[in-house]
């Protein structure tokens, strides 16, 4: 699975449109995603303290747009080069920050704090 962090309101608007288009698709040409081990680091770097987020769990085999794993900051991150078809999203999980504003992977109480 691959993962994408977004605002709950953005995801809810997507339901009416039938496909998901992150702002990065317009600006950069792709939708940023993460592997499971990358989610917390990305969340803490870019979303620290933000509320009303959800984590989209995406089945890469179902993504219709081109999906490329590209090197960024020493890691390989999945990027979706087009709108995300909704049937590729297998789960939507609430993604609240902890009291200190940092994130842990949902359901992972042993997750250490990442910065």
Protein backbone atom coordinates (compact mmCIF):
# COMPACT_ATOMS: atom_id res chain seq x y z
CA UNK A 1 0.00 0.00 0.00
CA UNK A 2 0.96 3.64 -0.43
CA UNK A 3 -0.35 6.58 1.59
CA UNK A 4 -1.38 10.19 1.05
CA UNK A 5 -2.13 12.79 3.72
CA UNK A 6 -4.88 15.30 3.00
CA UNK A 7 -7.42 17.51 4.74
CA UNK A 8 -10.72 15.83 5.58
CA UNK A 9 -12.63 18.60 3.76
CA UNK A 10 -10.59 18.07 0.58
CA UNK A 11 -11.36 14.36 0.68
CA UNK A 12 -15.07 15.02 1.22
CA UNK A 13 -15.17 17.36 -1.81
CA UNK A 14 -13.52 14.60 -3.82
CA UNK A 15 -16.49 12.32 -3.29
CA UNK A 16 -18.62 14.70 -5.37
CA UNK A 17 -16.05 15.01 -8.19
CA UNK A 18 -15.31 11.31 -8.55
CA UNK A 19 -11.52 11.69 -8.51
CA UNK A 20 -8.90 13.17 -6.19
CA UNK A 21 -6.67 16.02 -7.35
CA UNK A 22 -4.22 17.31 -4.76
CA UNK A 23 -3.00 20.90 -5.15
CA UNK A 24 0.45 19.46 -5.92
CA UNK A 25 -0.94 17.87 -9.09
CA UNK A 26 -1.60 21.34 -10.48
CA UNK A 27 1.62 22.88 -9.11
CA UNK A 28 4.12 20.07 -9.57
CA UNK A 29 2.43 17.63 -11.92
CA UNK A 30 1.97 14.78 -9.43
CA UNK A 31 0.37 13.74 -6.14
CA UNK A 32 2.87 13.15 -3.33
CA UNK A 33 2.54 9.79 -1.58
CA UNK A 34 4.58 7.84 0.96
CA UNK A 35 5.37 4.28 1.84
CA UNK A 36 4.30 3.07 5.28
CA UNK A 37 7.69 3.76 6.86
CA UNK A 38 7.74 7.30 5.43
CA UNK A 39 4.32 8.55 6.56
CA UNK A 40 5.26 9.73 10.05
CA UNK A 41 8.40 11.54 8.89
CA UNK A 42 6.43 13.34 6.15
CA UNK A 43 3.58 14.20 8.53
CA UNK A 44 5.91 15.63 11.14
CA UNK A 45 7.87 17.63 8.56
CA UNK A 46 4.91 19.15 6.70
CA UNK A 47 1.77 18.81 8.83
CA UNK A 48 2.95 19.13 12.43
CA UNK A 49 0.11 20.27 14.67
CA UNK A 50 -2.45 20.36 11.86
CA UNK A 51 -5.84 18.90 12.59
CA UNK A 52 -8.68 17.51 10.48
CA UNK A 53 -6.37 15.34 8.40
CA UNK A 54 -7.03 11.92 6.93
CA UNK A 55 -4.64 9.30 5.63
CA UNK A 56 -5.64 7.75 2.31
CA UNK A 57 -4.59 4.11 2.03
CA UNK A 58 -4.07 3.46 -1.67
CA UNK A 59 -3.69 0.16 -3.50
CA UNK A 60 -0.98 0.93 -6.08
CA UNK A 61 -2.22 -1.88 -8.34
CA UNK A 62 -5.52 -0.02 -8.75
CA UNK A 63 -4.09 3.44 -9.51
CA UNK A 64 -4.96 4.31 -13.12
CA UNK A 65 -2.59 7.28 -13.54
CA UNK A 66 1.14 6.63 -13.96
CA UNK A 67 2.80 5.81 -10.62
CA UNK A 68 6.54 6.34 -10.27
CA UNK A 69 8.84 5.80 -7.30
CA UNK A 70 11.30 8.68 -7.39
CA UNK A 71 14.34 9.55 -5.31
CA UNK A 72 13.76 12.44 -2.91
CA UNK A 73 15.97 13.30 0.07
CA UNK A 74 17.73 9.94 -0.02
CA UNK A 75 14.53 7.88 -0.21
CA UNK A 76 12.22 6.67 -2.94
CA UNK A 77 8.73 8.15 -2.75
CA UNK A 78 5.68 7.15 -4.79
CA UNK A 79 4.29 9.93 -7.02
CA UNK A 80 1.00 9.68 -8.91
CA UNK A 81 1.17 11.56 -12.23
CA UNK A 82 -2.52 12.31 -12.69
CA UNK A 83 -5.76 12.33 -10.74
CA UNK A 84 -6.29 9.51 -8.26
CA UNK A 85 -9.25 7.27 -9.07
CA UNK A 86 -11.38 6.77 -5.97
CA UNK A 87 -11.59 2.99 -6.30
CA UNK A 88 -7.82 2.81 -5.66
CA UNK A 89 -8.43 4.20 -2.15
CA UNK A 90 -9.09 1.16 0.00
CA UNK A 91 -9.35 2.95 3.34
CA UNK A 92 -9.58 6.47 4.74
CA UNK A 93 -8.19 6.78 8.27
CA UNK A 94 -8.48 9.75 10.64
CA UNK A 95 -4.97 11.13 11.17
CA UNK A 96 -4.94 13.42 14.23
CA UNK A 97 -1.73 14.75 15.76
CA UNK A 98 -0.77 13.76 19.28
CA UNK A 99 -0.94 16.34 22.09
CA UNK A 100 2.56 17.63 21.22
CA UNK A 101 1.60 18.12 17.54
CA UNK A 102 3.58 15.15 16.23
CA UNK A 103 2.12 12.15 14.46
CA UNK A 104 2.21 8.38 14.89
CA UNK A 105 1.10 5.86 12.32
CA UNK A 106 -2.59 5.09 13.00
CA UNK A 107 -2.96 2.16 15.35
CA UNK A 108 0.76 2.07 16.11
CA UNK A 109 1.10 2.99 19.77
CA UNK A 110 4.78 2.02 19.72
CA UNK A 111 5.67 4.51 16.99
CA UNK A 112 8.51 6.74 18.09
CA UNK A 113 8.49 10.46 17.62
CA UNK A 114 10.03 11.51 14.33
CA UNK A 115 11.15 14.94 13.32
